Amino acid sequence: MATGELNIPSTVKDPHYRYKMPKIQTATQGSGNGIKTNWVNLPEVSNALKVPLEYPIKFIARELGSNTETKSNSFLINGSQDVEKMQELLDKFIKKYVLCPKCHLPEIHGKIRVEKKGEIKCTCRSCGATCELDNTHNFAAYIRSYPPPYEKEERITKEATEKSSSHTKGKIDKKLIKSIKECCLNLSSVIKDDAPMEKNVEEINNFIGKYNFNLDCKFYCFSFGVFPDEIYTQKFLNRLPLIKHFIENESENKPEEALYNLIIGFQDKIFSRQKGEKKQYVSSVLYYLYDKDILKEDFWLKYLSGNIQEKYNSMFRIEEGEKKLKEAAKDFSDWIENGPYEGEEENKEQEKEDKNDIKEETKESTKEEKDEEDTEEKGKKKGKKKKGKKKKDKEKEEKDNEKKKEVKEETKEEKKEEGNDENKEENKEEKKEEKKEEKKEEKKEEEINIDDI
């Protein structure tokens, strides 16, 4: 599977060419008649070419005489396709529908349109040429059915240029208008979101510097480059530190005037290039500028009252666009005008926290009191139980003592009786002995008497 990057198209061999795309990466799925080729990195390739997702795979499938199928994150072409052949056909698609036919740069994105008669035309962002694309290829029918999004031309009007005393002195400076258009159209390609901010700052200054603009032109063009075409996206949020840096450090110590021209550029981009539904994001964008300390509260209040416009006579101010911006930013303006002042919200939060703490403390104290009452009641119950138990134990002990006394008395009597019995037996024995002795004496006496006879 191929990796790395190629030029747009890959036939360009210049190693420093700035238009790049990833190599096609594929994986084979299935076997036999059901074998298919999955274009793994189609989203990345389409994004690099700035064309709708399905355009490259539909073109290549038509060239191969095959069908396509999309399943969740799988982009399939029927059959086992050679990746080198697909890369070759992708270059063919680029030459027909991505490159300007005049200057051969990939700068017609967002500028391809289908005319009423079905002709597919484009306007180049780089050279400004309007040309026809290939209307004979069978893929042209697909473009007519599913045309790409078209961006309307930026409104940099004669009215705007006539207001600039520093540049035009009452006359229309066609060269200046061309330079501003060129800068607005191409500045976005200089910004690399994966590059360090210092690198982007250097590249932007080098790019704008070659036009030798004054402050209002510089920041008007900067707004067109730094705000993405899809305004309210993660890309915009990632660029907020870059915007803040330019307002604070690249504004010739005139941050308020720089911010004013940045807002005008944002206003023109919203209302001249974006669809109507994008207006709903105006308040959100302004809030993020406010949140990152780029847009100040006092600045916006002056802008709403017209004081900023009177202070800085910008060549780009158009009252109609300004009115539209104020209407679209109504929610943000209401929040600024009627919302809590700085510190007041914190105080309210603190009050809430204090109240919550007090509630928690009272809950805890009542809980502790309840626990104490419970423990007292339990203690009383335990005391009663203990008293009852002691009484029972005492009665039991008395009974046991009585029994012991009875047993002792019985044993004493038994012992007495045994003693009496023993005495009786001893007396019997003594009597027996005495009788024996008496008999012996009688026998002796009889013997003596016999002898006498």
Protein backbone atom coordinates (compact mmCIF):
# COMPACT_ATOMS: atom_id res chain seq x y z
CA MET A 1 0.00 0.00 0.00
CA ALA A 2 1.48 3.29 -1.11
CA THR A 3 2.22 6.03 1.40
CA GLY A 4 3.47 9.64 1.25
CA GLU A 5 2.44 12.69 -0.78
CA LEU A 6 2.35 13.65 -4.45
CA ASN A 7 2.06 16.95 -6.28
CA ILE A 8 -1.30 17.99 -7.80
CA PRO A 9 -1.12 16.45 -10.39
CA SER A 10 1.61 13.82 -9.79
CA THR A 11 3.14 14.63 -13.19
CA VAL A 12 4.55 17.86 -11.66
CA LYS A 13 8.04 16.95 -10.41
CA ASP A 14 8.93 20.17 -8.56
CA PRO A 15 9.84 19.07 -4.96
CA HIS A 16 8.91 22.53 -3.59
CA TYR A 17 5.48 22.62 -5.26
CA ARG A 18 2.98 23.76 -2.62
CA TYR A 19 -0.10 21.90 -3.88
CA LYS A 20 0.05 18.39 -2.42
CA MET A 21 -2.22 15.35 -2.16
CA PRO A 22 -1.80 11.91 -0.54
CA LYS A 23 -1.09 8.86 -2.68
CA ILE A 24 -4.03 6.58 -3.31
CA GLN A 25 -4.28 3.77 -0.76
CA THR A 26 -6.40 0.71 -1.55
CA ALA A 27 -7.33 -2.65 -0.02
CA THR A 28 -8.90 -5.68 -1.74
CA GLN A 29 -12.09 -7.17 -0.32
CA GLY A 30 -13.88 -10.42 -1.15
CA SER A 31 -12.90 -13.07 -3.71
CA GLY A 32 -13.98 -14.53 -7.03
CA ASN A 33 -16.79 -12.66 -8.76
CA GLY A 34 -17.48 -10.67 -5.58
CA ILE A 35 -13.99 -9.11 -5.36
CA LYS A 36 -13.93 -5.33 -4.79
CA THR A 37 -11.32 -2.59 -4.30
CA ASN A 38 -11.73 -0.33 -1.26
CA TRP A 39 -10.31 3.19 -1.71
CA VAL A 40 -9.14 3.61 1.87
CA ASN A 41 -8.09 7.28 1.87
CA LEU A 42 -10.65 8.76 -0.54
CA PRO A 43 -11.80 11.44 1.99
CA GLU A 44 -8.21 12.71 2.41
CA VAL A 45 -7.62 12.81 -1.37
CA SER A 46 -10.92 14.61 -2.06
CA ASN A 47 -10.18 17.12 0.70
CA ALA A 48 -6.72 17.85 -0.74
CA LEU A 49 -8.25 18.39 -4.22
CA LYS A 50 -11.10 20.47 -2.67
CA VAL A 51 -13.76 18.57 -4.61
CA PRO A 52 -16.90 16.72 -3.42
CA LEU A 53 -16.10 13.33 -1.88
CA GLU A 54 -17.65 11.18 -4.64
CA TYR A 55 -16.12 13.01 -7.66
CA PRO A 56 -12.76 11.18 -7.90
CA ILE A 57 -14.15 7.65 -7.41
CA LYS A 58 -17.07 8.22 -9.81
CA PHE A 59 -14.70 9.54 -12.51
CA ILE A 60 -12.27 6.62 -12.15
CA ALA A 61 -15.10 4.04 -12.12
CA ARG A 62 -16.49 5.49 -15.36
CA GLU A 63 -13.04 5.31 -16.93
CA LEU A 64 -12.70 1.66 -15.83
CA GLY A 65 -16.25 0.78 -16.91
CA SER A 66 -17.06 -0.34 -13.38
CA ASN A 67 -19.59 0.45 -10.67
CA THR A 68 -19.08 2.01 -7.23
CA GLU A 69 -20.59 1.33 -3.83
CA THR A 70 -20.38 3.19 -0.53
CA LYS A 71 -20.82 1.34 2.78
CA SER A 72 -20.29 3.38 5.98
CA ASN A 73 -16.54 4.25 5.70
CA SER A 74 -15.80 1.95 2.74
CA PHE A 75 -15.62 3.36 -0.81
CA LEU A 76 -15.72 0.39 -3.19
CA ILE A 77 -15.08 -0.11 -6.91
CA ASN A 78 -16.12 -3.48 -8.35
CA GLY A 79 -13.22 -5.74 -9.36
CA SER A 80 -9.56 -5.86 -8.36
CA GLN A 81 -8.11 -2.53 -9.52
CA ASP A 82 -4.43 -1.65 -9.93
CA VAL A 83 -3.47 1.30 -7.69
CA GLU A 84 -1.00 2.70 -10.26
CA LYS A 85 -3.74 2.71 -12.90
CA MET A 86 -6.08 4.48 -10.47
CA GLN A 87 -3.39 7.12 -9.76
CA GLU A 88 -2.98 7.67 -13.50
CA LEU A 89 -6.76 8.14 -13.94
CA LEU A 90 -6.86 10.49 -10.93
CA ASP A 91 -4.30 12.74 -12.70
CA LYS A 92 -6.59 12.73 -15.73
CA PHE A 93 -9.52 13.86 -13.52
CA ILE A 94 -7.34 16.61 -11.99
CA LYS A 95 -6.33 17.99 -15.39
CA LYS A 96 -9.95 18.09 -16.58
CA TYR A 97 -11.83 19.29 -13.45
CA VAL A 98 -9.36 20.56 -10.81
CA LEU A 99 -6.75 22.65 -12.69
CA CYS A 100 -7.38 26.03 -14.28
CA PRO A 101 -7.22 25.51 -18.08
CA LYS A 102 -5.20 28.74 -18.40
CA CYS A 103 -2.65 28.84 -15.54
CA HIS A 104 -2.83 25.09 -14.69
CA LEU A 105 -3.05 25.69 -10.93
CA PRO A 106 -5.63 23.91 -8.71
CA GLU A 107 -7.38 27.20 -7.88
CA ILE A 108 -10.89 26.75 -9.31
CA HIS A 109 -12.43 25.14 -6.21
CA GLY A 110 -15.72 26.77 -5.25
CA LYS A 111 -15.76 28.50 -8.65
CA ILE A 112 -17.16 25.73 -10.88
CA ARG A 113 -20.69 26.43 -12.08
CA VAL A 114 -23.19 24.92 -14.52
CA GLU A 115 -24.68 27.49 -16.92
CA LYS A 116 -28.31 27.47 -18.04
CA LYS A 117 -27.41 25.72 -21.28
CA GLY A 118 -25.58 22.98 -19.37
CA GLU A 119 -22.06 24.28 -19.98
CA ILE A 120 -19.60 23.70 -17.13
CA LYS A 121 -17.42 26.77 -16.51
CA CYS A 122 -14.96 27.90 -13.89
CA THR A 123 -13.29 31.08 -12.66
CA CYS A 124 -9.69 30.82 -11.46
CA ARG A 125 -8.88 32.22 -8.03
CA SER A 126 -5.26 32.79 -9.07
CA CYS A 127 -5.26 34.26 -12.58
CA GLY A 128 -8.92 35.37 -12.65
CA ALA A 129 -9.60 33.70 -16.01
CA THR A 130 -13.07 32.32 -16.79
CA CYS A 131 -12.84 29.12 -18.83
CA GLU A 132 -14.90 26.15 -19.99
CA LEU A 133 -14.11 22.73 -18.54
CA ASP A 134 -14.45 19.43 -20.43
CA ASN A 135 -18.16 19.21 -21.35
CA THR A 136 -17.74 16.18 -23.63
CA HIS A 137 -16.55 13.59 -21.12
CA ASN A 138 -19.30 11.30 -19.76
CA PHE A 139 -18.46 12.52 -16.24
CA ALA A 140 -19.75 16.00 -17.22
CA ALA A 141 -23.30 14.60 -17.03
CA TYR A 142 -22.66 13.64 -13.38
CA ILE A 143 -21.44 17.20 -12.60
CA ARG A 144 -24.60 18.63 -14.20
CA SER A 145 -26.73 16.38 -11.99
CA TYR A 146 -24.65 16.95 -8.85
CA PRO A 147 -22.87 20.33 -9.19
CA PRO A 148 -20.26 21.32 -6.57
CA PRO A 149 -20.96 24.17 -4.10
CA TYR A 150 -20.40 27.55 -5.70
CA GLU A 151 -19.02 30.55 -3.81
CA LYS A 152 -20.14 34.00 -4.89
CA GLU A 153 -17.50 36.59 -5.66
CA GLU A 154 -16.28 38.75 -2.78
CA ARG A 155 -17.76 42.22 -2.65
CA ILE A 156 -14.86 44.62 -2.89
CA THR A 157 -16.70 47.48 -4.56
CA LYS A 158 -15.92 50.79 -6.17
CA GLU A 159 -17.82 52.41 -3.28
CA ALA A 160 -15.26 50.94 -0.88
CA THR A 161 -12.22 52.09 -2.82
CA GLU A 162 -13.57 55.61 -3.39
CA LYS A 163 -13.63 56.09 0.41
CA SER A 164 -9.89 55.60 0.78
CA SER A 165 -8.10 58.94 0.79
CA SER A 166 -4.73 57.30 1.49
CA HIS A 167 -4.84 54.97 -1.51
CA THR A 168 -7.07 56.48 -4.19
CA LYS A 169 -7.45 60.20 -3.52
CA GLY A 170 -11.01 60.10 -4.91
CA LYS A 171 -10.12 57.99 -7.95
CA ILE A 172 -10.67 54.25 -8.38
CA ASP A 173 -7.33 52.46 -8.05
CA LYS A 174 -7.80 49.35 -10.22
CA LYS A 175 -4.37 48.03 -9.33
CA LEU A 176 -5.19 48.20 -5.61
CA ILE A 177 -8.53 46.43 -6.14
CA LYS A 178 -6.74 43.64 -8.01
CA SER A 179 -4.11 43.31 -5.28
CA ILE A 180 -6.76 43.13 -2.54
CA LYS A 181 -8.73 40.50 -4.44
CA GLU A 182 -5.63 38.46 -5.09
CA CYS A 183 -4.55 38.65 -1.46
CA CYS A 184 -8.01 37.73 -0.12
CA LEU A 185 -8.31 34.75 -2.46
CA ASN A 186 -4.87 33.25 -1.83
CA LEU A 187 -3.98 34.09 1.76
CA SER A 188 -5.86 31.05 3.12
CA SER A 189 -3.51 28.70 1.24
CA VAL A 190 -0.54 30.16 3.17
CA ILE A 191 -1.97 29.20 6.59
CA LYS A 192 -1.09 25.63 7.62
CA ASP A 193 -3.14 24.46 10.59
CA ASP A 194 -0.62 21.77 11.53
CA ALA A 195 2.31 24.25 11.56
CA PRO A 196 3.50 26.18 14.66
CA MET A 197 1.92 29.62 15.12
CA GLU A 198 5.29 31.37 14.71
CA LYS A 199 5.67 29.77 11.27
CA ASN A 200 2.19 30.89 10.19
CA VAL A 201 2.82 34.43 11.45
CA GLU A 202 6.02 34.59 9.38
CA GLU A 203 4.33 33.21 6.24
CA ILE A 204 1.33 35.57 6.52
CA ASN A 205 3.52 38.63 7.06
CA ASN A 206 5.72 37.68 4.09
CA PHE A 207 2.68 37.12 1.89
CA ILE A 208 0.82 40.33 2.83
CA GLY A 209 4.07 42.31 3.01
CA LYS A 210 4.70 42.05 -0.73
CA TYR A 211 1.55 44.15 -1.37
CA ASN A 212 2.68 47.01 0.87
CA PHE A 213 -0.84 47.49 2.28
CA ASN A 214 -1.74 49.97 5.01
CA LEU A 215 -3.38 48.77 8.23
CA ASP A 216 -7.01 48.62 7.04
CA CYS A 217 -6.14 46.64 3.87
CA LYS A 218 -3.83 44.32 5.79
CA PHE A 219 -6.44 43.29 8.36
CA TYR A 220 -9.30 43.20 5.86
CA CYS A 221 -7.35 40.67 3.77
CA PHE A 222 -6.15 38.86 6.90
CA SER A 223 -9.79 38.24 7.92
CA PHE A 224 -10.50 36.57 4.57
CA GLY A 225 -7.50 34.28 5.02
CA VAL A 226 -7.85 33.41 8.70
CA PHE A 227 -11.64 32.80 8.79
CA PRO A 228 -12.29 29.43 7.08
CA ASP A 229 -14.87 29.14 4.30
CA GLU A 230 -16.97 27.05 6.68
CA ILE A 231 -16.93 29.72 9.40
CA TYR A 232 -18.15 27.92 12.50
CA THR A 233 -15.84 24.89 12.58
CA GLN A 234 -13.04 23.48 14.72
CA LYS A 235 -10.58 25.04 12.26
CA PHE A 236 -11.87 28.50 13.24
CA LEU A 237 -11.51 27.69 16.96
CA ASN A 238 -7.95 26.47 16.37
CA ARG A 239 -7.08 29.77 14.66
CA LEU A 240 -8.26 32.03 17.50
CA PRO A 241 -4.75 32.29 19.05
CA LEU A 242 -3.42 33.36 15.62
CA ILE A 243 -6.08 36.08 15.34
CA LYS A 244 -5.31 37.30 18.85
CA HIS A 245 -1.58 37.44 18.10
CA PHE A 246 -2.11 39.60 15.00
CA ILE A 247 -4.46 42.01 16.77
CA GLU A 248 -2.10 42.45 19.73
CA ASN A 249 1.34 42.26 18.06
CA GLU A 250 1.03 42.99 14.34
CA SER A 251 -1.31 46.01 14.42
CA GLU A 252 1.25 48.86 14.60
CA ASN A 253 0.02 49.61 18.16
CA LYS A 254 -3.50 50.21 16.81
CA PRO A 255 -5.37 47.10 18.00
CA GLU A 256 -8.80 48.76 17.95
CA GLU A 257 -8.50 49.92 14.32
CA ALA A 258 -7.10 46.51 13.33
CA LEU A 259 -10.03 44.74 15.02
CA TYR A 260 -12.52 47.03 13.28
CA ASN A 261 -11.19 46.11 9.82
CA LEU A 262 -11.06 42.44 10.81
CA ILE A 263 -14.78 42.66 11.73
CA ILE A 264 -15.56 44.31 8.36
CA GLY A 265 -13.74 41.50 6.54
CA PHE A 266 -15.67 38.92 8.58
CA GLN A 267 -18.89 40.78 7.75
CA ASP A 268 -18.16 40.76 4.01
CA LYS A 269 -17.18 37.10 4.05
CA ILE A 270 -20.39 36.10 5.84
CA PHE A 271 -22.76 38.09 3.63
CA SER A 272 -21.04 37.80 0.25
CA ARG A 273 -19.73 34.24 0.23
CA GLN A 274 -21.75 32.18 2.71
CA LYS A 275 -25.27 30.83 2.35
CA GLY A 276 -28.03 32.45 4.38
CA GLU A 277 -28.19 29.71 7.01
CA LYS A 278 -24.60 30.51 8.06
CA LYS A 279 -25.80 33.84 9.50
CA GLN A 280 -27.07 31.99 12.56
CA TYR A 281 -23.45 31.40 13.64
CA VAL A 282 -22.53 35.12 13.74
CA SER A 283 -23.32 35.53 17.45
CA SER A 284 -21.43 32.34 18.29
CA VAL A 285 -18.34 33.48 16.37
CA LEU A 286 -18.41 36.89 18.07
CA TYR A 287 -18.82 35.21 21.45
CA TYR A 288 -15.68 33.11 20.88
CA LEU A 289 -13.77 36.26 19.90
CA TYR A 290 -15.03 37.85 23.13
CA ASP A 291 -14.24 34.75 25.20
CA LYS A 292 -10.62 34.73 23.98
CA ASP A 293 -10.30 38.45 24.87
CA ILE A 294 -9.98 39.49 21.20
CA LEU A 295 -13.28 41.37 20.98
CA LYS A 296 -13.72 43.73 23.95
CA GLU A 297 -17.05 44.72 25.47
CA ASP A 298 -16.41 48.47 25.15
CA PHE A 299 -15.39 48.02 21.49
CA TRP A 300 -18.66 46.29 20.61
CA LEU A 301 -20.75 48.91 22.39
CA LYS A 302 -18.92 51.63 20.42
CA TYR A 303 -19.49 49.63 17.22
CA LEU A 304 -23.23 49.41 17.90
CA SER A 305 -23.45 53.16 18.62
CA GLY A 306 -21.40 54.09 15.52
CA ASN A 307 -18.50 55.69 17.42
CA ILE A 308 -15.92 53.27 16.02
CA GLN A 309 -17.04 53.94 12.45
CA GLU A 310 -16.68 57.71 12.96
CA LYS A 311 -13.26 57.29 14.57
CA TYR A 312 -11.76 55.06 11.83
CA ASN A 313 -12.73 55.93 8.27
CA SER A 314 -12.12 52.50 6.72
CA MET A 315 -12.19 52.20 2.94
CA PHE A 316 -14.09 48.88 3.30
CA ARG A 317 -17.05 50.13 5.32
CA ILE A 318 -20.42 49.42 3.67
CA GLU A 319 -23.43 50.47 5.73
CA GLU A 320 -25.74 47.82 4.27
CA GLY A 321 -23.38 45.01 5.31
CA GLU A 322 -22.93 46.63 8.71
CA LYS A 323 -26.69 46.67 9.23
CA LYS A 324 -26.93 42.97 8.32
CA LEU A 325 -24.14 42.10 10.74
CA LYS A 326 -25.84 43.95 13.60
CA GLU A 327 -29.13 42.14 12.90
CA ALA A 328 -27.41 38.74 12.75
CA ALA A 329 -25.48 39.50 15.98
CA LYS A 330 -28.60 40.55 17.91
CA ASP A 331 -28.29 37.73 20.48
CA PHE A 332 -24.65 38.60 21.16
CA SER A 333 -25.43 42.33 21.40
CA ASP A 334 -28.30 41.69 23.83
CA TRP A 335 -25.99 39.56 25.95
CA ILE A 336 -23.34 42.32 26.01
CA GLU A 337 -25.80 45.13 26.74
CA ASN A 338 -28.07 43.37 29.24
CA GLY A 339 -25.86 40.64 30.64
CA PRO A 340 -24.07 40.88 34.02
CA TYR A 341 -21.02 43.11 34.24
CA GLU A 342 -17.66 41.59 34.94
CA GLY A 343 -17.49 40.52 38.54
CA GLU A 344 -21.28 40.73 39.01
CA GLU A 345 -21.77 37.25 37.66
CA GLU A 346 -19.02 35.99 39.91
CA ASN A 347 -20.70 37.68 42.88
CA LYS A 348 -24.01 36.03 42.02
CA GLU A 349 -22.31 32.70 41.73
CA GLN A 350 -20.61 33.33 45.06
CA GLU A 351 -23.95 34.24 46.64
CA LYS A 352 -25.44 31.03 45.31
CA GLU A 353 -22.52 29.08 46.66
CA ASP A 354 -22.85 30.81 50.06
CA LYS A 355 -26.58 30.05 50.16
CA ASN A 356 -25.90 26.46 49.26
CA ASP A 357 -23.23 26.28 51.96
CA ILE A 358 -25.67 27.72 54.53
CA LYS A 359 -28.34 25.24 53.48
CA GLU A 360 -25.86 22.41 53.72
CA GLU A 361 -24.70 23.60 57.15
CA THR A 362 -28.28 23.85 58.45
CA LYS A 363 -29.03 20.43 57.03
CA GLU A 364 -25.93 19.05 58.71
CA SER A 365 -26.76 20.73 62.06
CA THR A 366 -30.38 19.47 62.00
CA LYS A 367 -29.08 16.08 61.05
CA GLU A 368 -26.63 16.17 63.95
CA GLU A 369 -29.40 17.23 66.36
CA LYS A 370 -31.61 14.46 65.10
CA ASP A 371 -28.78 12.00 65.45
CA GLU A 372 -28.22 13.18 69.05
CA GLU A 373 -31.93 12.76 69.85
CA ASP A 374 -31.88 9.33 68.30
CA THR A 375 -28.81 8.39 70.32
CA GLU A 376 -30.50 9.68 73.53
CA GLU A 377 -33.64 7.68 72.83
CA LYS A 378 -31.56 4.67 72.02
CA GLY A 379 -29.60 5.26 75.25
CA LYS A 380 -32.81 5.42 77.26
CA LYS A 381 -34.09 2.28 75.65
CA LYS A 382 -30.78 0.61 76.28
CA GLY A 383 -30.86 1.86 79.92
CA LYS A 384 -34.34 0.41 80.40
CA LYS A 385 -33.22 -2.80 78.82
CA LYS A 386 -30.15 -2.84 81.06
CA LYS A 387 -32.26 -2.20 84.20
CA GLY A 388 -34.67 -4.94 83.24
CA LYS A 389 -31.80 -7.23 82.51
CA LYS A 390 -30.12 -6.41 85.83
CA LYS A 391 -33.36 -7.13 87.69
CA LYS A 392 -33.74 -10.43 85.93
CA ASP A 393 -30.10 -11.26 86.57
CA LYS A 394 -30.54 -10.40 90.28
CA GLU A 395 -33.63 -12.56 90.61
CA LYS A 396 -31.84 -15.36 88.86
CA GLU A 397 -28.85 -14.93 91.10
CA GLU A 398 -31.04 -15.02 94.22
CA LYS A 399 -32.72 -18.18 92.98
CA ASP A 400 -29.33 -19.73 92.30
CA ASN A 401 -28.14 -18.75 95.77
CA GLU A 402 -31.24 -20.28 97.32
CA LYS A 403 -30.68 -23.43 95.36
CA LYS A 404 -27.04 -23.47 96.45
CA LYS A 405 -28.10 -23.04 100.09
CA GLU A 406 -30.58 -25.87 99.75
CA VAL A 407 -27.94 -28.06 98.17
CA LYS A 408 -25.50 -27.19 100.95
CA GLU A 409 -28.02 -28.00 103.66
CA GLU A 410 -28.85 -31.27 101.98
CA THR A 411 -25.18 -32.18 101.75
CA LYS A 412 -24.74 -31.27 105.47
CA GLU A 413 -27.60 -33.48 106.51
CA GLU A 414 -26.30 -36.28 104.34
CA LYS A 415 -22.92 -35.87 105.93
CA LYS A 416 -24.48 -35.90 109.39
CA GLU A 417 -26.40 -39.02 108.59
CA GLU A 418 -23.29 -40.61 107.19
CA GLY A 419 -21.46 -39.59 110.38
CA ASN A 420 -24.20 -41.14 112.51
CA ASP A 421 -24.11 -44.30 110.51
CA GLU A 422 -20.37 -44.47 110.91
CA ASN A 423 -20.72 -43.95 114.69
CA LYS A 424 -23.34 -46.66 114.84
CA GLU A 425 -21.14 -49.04 112.99
CA GLU A 426 -18.23 -48.16 115.24
CA ASN A 427 -20.41 -48.76 118.29
CA LYS A 428 -21.51 -52.08 116.89
CA GLU A 429 -17.94 -53.05 116.30
CA GLU A 430 -16.98 -52.01 119.78
CA LYS A 431 -19.85 -53.98 121.23
CA LYS A 432 -18.84 -56.96 119.16
CA GLU A 433 -15.31 -56.63 120.42
CA GLU A 434 -16.53 -56.29 123.94
CA LYS A 435 -18.69 -59.38 123.57
CA LYS A 436 -15.74 -61.25 122.15
CA GLU A 437 -13.62 -60.17 125.07
CA GLU A 438 -16.30 -61.21 127.50
CA LYS A 439 -16.58 -64.60 125.87
CA LYS A 440 -12.83 -65.05 126.06
CA GLU A 441 -12.80 -64.24 129.74
CA GLU A 442 -15.68 -66.63 130.37
CA LYS A 443 -13.79 -69.35 128.59
CA LYS A 444 -10.72 -68.66 130.70
CA GLU A 445 -12.70 -68.81 133.86
CA GLU A 446 -14.29 -72.08 132.86
CA GLU A 447 -10.87 -73.49 132.09
CA ILE A 448 -9.61 -72.45 135.49
CA ASN A 449 -12.56 -74.04 137.18
CA ILE A 450 -12.01 -77.31 135.37
CA ASP A 451 -8.44 -77.34 136.48
CA ASP A 452 -9.46 -76.83 140.06
CA ILE A 453 -11.66 -79.80 139.85
